[in-house]
C-alpha cells in the first residue's frame, strides 16, 4: 500500500517561513500529480497548490507569489515552501497524491495532516 507522510509544520510569526514535506512510500506505483490542501476547523478543505508529473503548477490566488510547490521525483516527495506567512494561513495542511498502480488502478491518497500556525 501507498502511504503519505507529512512533516515541517509548526508555529511561526507573521512574515516568517516554513517548508512542508510529503513523502510517498510503497511499491509498484507512479505519481501523476501531487498537491497541498488546507483546512481550518469548521471550514471546507481548499486547494493551496498542485504540481503534475510534468512540472505544471497551479496555485490558489491567496498564496501566489508567497508559496512555491516543488517535487523531488527520485524521492517521491513534494515540498511546499511558504514565505511571508500571514495569520490567515493558519490551518491544517494536507498532502494529496494522484497515484497509478502498475496494474492500471488510479486513486487519490491523503497524508495525515500537519498543523501550521502563524501568530500576529
Protein backbone atom coordinates (compact mmCIF):
# COMPACT_ATOMS: atom_id res chain seq x y z
CA UNK A 1 0.00 0.00 0.00
CA UNK A 2 0.99 3.62 -0.52
CA UNK A 3 1.43 5.93 2.46
CA UNK A 4 1.99 9.69 2.55
CA UNK A 5 3.93 11.10 5.50
CA UNK A 6 3.99 14.85 6.10
CA UNK A 7 6.42 16.96 8.10
CA UNK A 8 7.57 20.55 8.54
CA UNK A 9 4.61 22.22 10.21
CA UNK A 10 4.95 24.39 13.27
CA UNK A 11 4.45 27.79 14.86
CA UNK A 12 5.92 30.92 13.26
CA UNK A 13 5.40 34.65 13.48
CA UNK A 14 3.78 36.60 10.68
CA UNK A 15 6.29 37.21 7.90
CA UNK A 16 8.20 34.03 8.65
CA UNK A 17 8.74 30.92 6.56
CA UNK A 18 8.16 27.19 6.73
CA UNK A 19 8.80 24.32 4.35
CA UNK A 20 6.41 21.38 4.34
CA UNK A 21 7.43 17.97 3.03
CA UNK A 22 5.35 14.99 1.98
CA UNK A 23 6.94 11.67 1.05
CA UNK A 24 5.10 8.81 -0.65
CA UNK A 25 6.25 5.30 0.15
CA UNK A 26 5.27 1.91 -1.20
CA UNK A 27 5.92 -0.14 -4.29
CA UNK A 28 4.74 -0.60 -7.86
CA UNK A 29 3.17 2.80 -8.33
CA UNK A 30 3.74 6.07 -10.12
CA UNK A 31 2.59 9.56 -9.20
CA UNK A 32 0.60 11.59 -11.71
CA UNK A 33 0.33 14.73 -9.59
CA UNK A 34 0.75 15.92 -6.01
CA UNK A 35 -0.73 18.82 -4.14
CA UNK A 36 -1.28 20.62 -0.89
CA UNK A 37 -4.65 21.47 0.62
CA UNK A 38 -5.56 23.19 3.88
CA UNK A 39 -8.49 23.10 6.25
CA UNK A 40 -9.40 25.17 9.29
CA UNK A 41 -11.82 23.91 11.97
CA UNK A 42 -15.40 24.14 10.74
CA UNK A 43 -14.38 25.04 7.20
CA UNK A 44 -14.10 23.15 3.92
CA UNK A 45 -10.77 21.83 2.69
CA UNK A 46 -9.35 24.06 -0.02
CA UNK A 47 -6.64 23.75 -2.65
CA UNK A 48 -3.34 25.51 -1.99
CA UNK A 49 -1.08 24.30 -4.79
CA UNK A 50 -0.67 21.36 -7.17
CA UNK A 51 2.06 20.08 -9.45
CA UNK A 52 1.86 17.45 -12.18
CA UNK A 53 4.49 14.89 -13.06
CA UNK A 54 5.38 17.17 -15.97
CA UNK A 55 6.05 20.11 -13.67
CA UNK A 56 2.90 22.13 -14.36
CA UNK A 57 1.89 24.08 -11.25
CA UNK A 58 -1.31 25.67 -10.04
CA UNK A 59 -1.78 27.96 -7.02
CA UNK A 60 -4.64 29.43 -5.09
CA UNK A 61 -4.83 33.18 -5.60
CA UNK A 62 -4.29 33.75 -1.88
CA UNK A 63 -0.80 32.20 -1.94
CA UNK A 64 0.54 33.24 -5.36
CA UNK A 65 3.90 34.93 -5.03
CA UNK A 66 4.40 33.63 -1.48
CA UNK A 67 4.27 29.82 -1.73
CA UNK A 68 6.19 27.55 -4.08
CA UNK A 69 5.42 23.89 -4.74
CA UNK A 70 8.17 21.57 -5.99
CA UNK A 71 9.00 17.88 -6.20
CA UNK A 72 11.94 15.54 -5.89
CA UNK A 73 10.81 12.76 -8.20
CA UNK A 74 13.62 10.41 -7.18
CA UNK A 75 12.34 10.55 -3.60
CA UNK A 76 8.60 10.68 -4.44
CA UNK A 77 8.44 13.81 -2.32
CA UNK A 78 6.57 17.08 -2.71
CA UNK A 79 7.50 20.29 -0.91
CA UNK A 80 5.67 23.50 -0.13
CA UNK A 81 7.92 26.47 0.56
CA UNK A 82 5.84 29.00 2.49
CA UNK A 83 7.20 32.55 2.71
CA UNK A 84 5.72 35.79 4.02
CA UNK A 85 3.29 33.82 6.14
CA UNK A 86 0.12 35.51 7.35
CA UNK A 87 -2.17 34.64 10.28
CA UNK A 88 -4.85 33.66 7.78
CA UNK A 89 -2.53 30.88 6.56
CA UNK A 90 -3.11 29.11 9.88
CA UNK A 91 -4.61 25.72 9.01
CA UNK A 92 -4.00 22.01 8.96
CA UNK A 93 -2.20 21.29 5.69
CA UNK A 94 -2.83 18.00 3.90
CA UNK A 95 -0.74 16.41 1.19
CA UNK A 96 -2.51 14.65 -1.67
CA UNK A 97 -1.19 12.35 -4.37
CA UNK A 98 -2.86 11.17 -7.57
CA UNK A 99 -1.43 7.67 -7.89
CA UNK A 100 -1.46 4.96 -10.53
CA UNK A 101 -0.56 1.41 -9.64
CA UNK A 102 1.34 -0.58 -12.24
CA UNK A 103 -1.82 -2.68 -12.76
CA UNK A 104 -3.62 0.43 -14.03
CA UNK A 105 -5.70 1.26 -10.94
CA UNK A 106 -5.73 5.00 -10.25
CA UNK A 107 -6.69 6.63 -6.96
CA UNK A 108 -6.14 9.59 -4.68
CA UNK A 109 -4.25 9.30 -1.38
CA UNK A 110 -4.14 11.77 1.53
CA UNK A 111 -1.47 12.45 4.11
CA UNK A 112 -2.20 12.68 7.83
CA UNK A 113 -2.11 16.49 8.00
CA UNK A 114 0.36 18.86 9.62
CA UNK A 115 -0.51 21.95 11.66
CA UNK A 116 0.72 25.37 10.54
CA UNK A 117 0.12 28.21 12.98
CA UNK A 118 1.06 31.82 12.18
CA UNK A 119 0.94 34.28 15.06
CA UNK A 120 0.34 38.00 14.66
